[in-house]
Amino acid sequence: MFMKDIMMSLIFFILLIICVLVGVA
């Protein structure tokens, strides 16, 4: 359960970075 929570947070963080990069570009 703990690992799943970490994976969800990591995926959300990566998607957030991609959105920022797309917004800048």
PDB file of N, CA and C in Angstrom:
ATOM      1  N   MET A   1       0.844  -1.205   0.000  1.00  0.00           N
ATOM      2  CA  MET A   1       0.000   0.000   0.000  1.00  0.00           C
ATOM      3  C   MET A   1       0.875   1.249   0.000  1.00  0.00           C
ATOM      4  N   PHE A   2       1.948   1.195   0.796  1.00  0.00           N
ATOM      5  CA  PHE A   2       2.844   2.355   0.868  1.00  0.00           C
ATOM      6  C   PHE A   2       3.535   2.599  -0.474  1.00  0.00           C
ATOM      7  N   MET A   3       3.971   1.510  -1.121  1.00  0.00           N
ATOM      8  CA  MET A   3       4.641   1.636  -2.412  1.00  0.00           C
ATOM      9  C   MET A   3       3.692   2.206  -3.461  1.00  0.00           C
ATOM     10  N   LYS A   4       2.432   1.767  -3.416  1.00  0.00           N
ATOM     11  CA  LYS A   4       1.451   2.258  -4.380  1.00  0.00           C
ATOM     12  C   LYS A   4       1.255   3.758  -4.214  1.00  0.00           C
ATOM     13  N   ASP A   5       1.248   4.229  -2.964  1.00  0.00           N
ATOM     14  CA  ASP A   5       1.061   5.653  -2.695  1.00  0.00           C
ATOM     15  C   ASP A   5       2.236   6.455  -3.264  1.00  0.00           C
ATOM     16  N   ILE A   6       3.443   5.900  -3.130  1.00  0.00           N
ATOM     17  CA  ILE A   6       4.640   6.568  -3.655  1.00  0.00           C
ATOM     18  C   ILE A   6       4.569   6.640  -5.182  1.00  0.00           C
ATOM     19  N   MET A   7       4.146   5.556  -5.808  1.00  0.00           N
ATOM     20  CA  MET A   7       4.048   5.527  -7.270  1.00  0.00           C
ATOM     21  C   MET A   7       3.044   6.553  -7.768  1.00  0.00           C
ATOM     22  N   MET A   8       1.900   6.665  -7.105  1.00  0.00           N
ATOM     23  CA  MET A   8       0.873   7.636  -7.505  1.00  0.00           C
ATOM     24  C   MET A   8       1.421   9.055  -7.396  1.00  0.00           C
ATOM     25  N   SER A   9       2.144   9.327  -6.311  1.00  0.00           N
ATOM     26  CA  SER A   9       2.713  10.667  -6.111  1.00  0.00           C
ATOM     27  C   SER A   9       3.760  10.956  -7.186  1.00  0.00           C
ATOM     28  N   LEU A  10       4.574   9.956  -7.502  1.00  0.00           N
ATOM     29  CA  LEU A  10       5.628  10.124  -8.502  1.00  0.00           C
ATOM     30  C   LEU A  10       5.021  10.389  -9.875  1.00  0.00           C
ATOM     31  N   ILE A  11       3.971   9.626 -10.239  1.00  0.00           N
ATOM     32  CA  ILE A  11       3.312   9.811 -11.534  1.00  0.00           C
ATOM     33  C   ILE A  11       2.691  11.201 -11.614  1.00  0.00           C
ATOM     34  N   PHE A  12       2.031  11.631 -10.536  1.00  0.00           N
ATOM     35  CA  PHE A  12       1.408  12.954 -10.514  1.00  0.00           C
ATOM     36  C   PHE A  12       2.466  14.040 -10.683  1.00  0.00           C
ATOM     37  N   PHE A  13       3.616  13.879 -10.013  1.00  0.00           N
ATOM     38  CA  PHE A  13       4.701  14.859 -10.086  1.00  0.00           C
ATOM     39  C   PHE A  13       5.259  14.941 -11.505  1.00  0.00           C
ATOM     40  N   ILE A  14       5.415  13.784 -12.174  1.00  0.00           N
ATOM     41  CA  ILE A  14       5.935  13.747 -13.546  1.00  0.00           C
ATOM     42  C   ILE A  14       4.951  14.427 -14.494  1.00  0.00           C
ATOM     43  N   LEU A  15       3.659  14.156 -14.336  1.00  0.00           N
ATOM     44  CA  LEU A  15       2.650  14.778 -15.196  1.00  0.00           C
ATOM     45  C   LEU A  15       2.658  16.284 -14.998  1.00  0.00           C
ATOM     46  N   LEU A  16       2.849  16.733 -13.765  1.00  0.00           N
ATOM     47  CA  LEU A  16       2.885  18.163 -13.472  1.00  0.00           C
ATOM     48  C   LEU A  16       4.070  18.818 -14.175  1.00  0.00           C
ATOM     49  N   ILE A  17       5.238  18.159 -14.142  1.00  0.00           N
ATOM     50  CA  ILE A  17       6.435  18.692 -14.811  1.00  0.00           C
ATOM     51  C   ILE A  17       6.211  18.767 -16.316  1.00  0.00           C
ATOM     52  N   ILE A  18       5.582  17.737 -16.905  1.00  0.00           N
ATOM     53  CA  ILE A  18       5.326  17.714 -18.345  1.00  0.00           C
ATOM     54  C   ILE A  18       4.416  18.879 -18.723  1.00  0.00           C
ATOM     55  N   CYS A  19       3.377  19.117 -17.918  1.00  0.00           N
ATOM     56  CA  CYS A  19       2.448  20.222 -18.194  1.00  0.00           C
ATOM     57  C   CYS A  19       3.190  21.555 -18.167  1.00  0.00           C
ATOM     58  N   VAL A  20       4.105  21.721 -17.205  1.00  0.00           N
ATOM     59  CA  VAL A  20       4.876  22.960 -17.095  1.00  0.00           C
ATOM     60  C   VAL A  20       5.781  23.124 -18.320  1.00  0.00           C
ATOM     61  N   LEU A  21       6.454  22.049 -18.722  1.00  0.00           N
ATOM     62  CA  LEU A  21       7.349  22.118 -19.882  1.00  0.00           C
ATOM     63  C   LEU A  21       6.575  22.459 -21.153  1.00  0.00           C
ATOM     64  N   VAL A  22       5.393  21.856 -21.312  1.00  0.00           N
ATOM     65  CA  VAL A  22       4.559  22.125 -22.493  1.00  0.00           C
ATOM     66  C   VAL A  22       4.087  23.581 -22.467  1.00  0.00           C
ATOM     67  N   GLY A  23       3.761  24.064 -21.277  1.00  0.00           N
ATOM     68  CA  GLY A  23       3.292  25.448 -21.143  1.00  0.00           C
ATOM     69  C   GLY A  23       4.406  26.427 -21.507  1.00  0.00           C
ATOM     70  N   VAL A  24       5.637  26.113 -21.081  1.00  0.00           N
ATOM     71  CA  VAL A  24       6.767  26.985 -21.392  1.00  0.00           C
ATOM     72  C   VAL A  24       7.087  26.916 -22.881  1.00  0.00           C
ATOM     73  N   ALA A  25       7.042  25.710 -23.444  1.00  0.00           N
ATOM     74  CA  ALA A  25       7.374  25.518 -24.857  1.00  0.00           C
ATOM     75  C   ALA A  25       6.165  25.846 -25.731  1.00  0.00           C
TER      76      ALA A  25
END
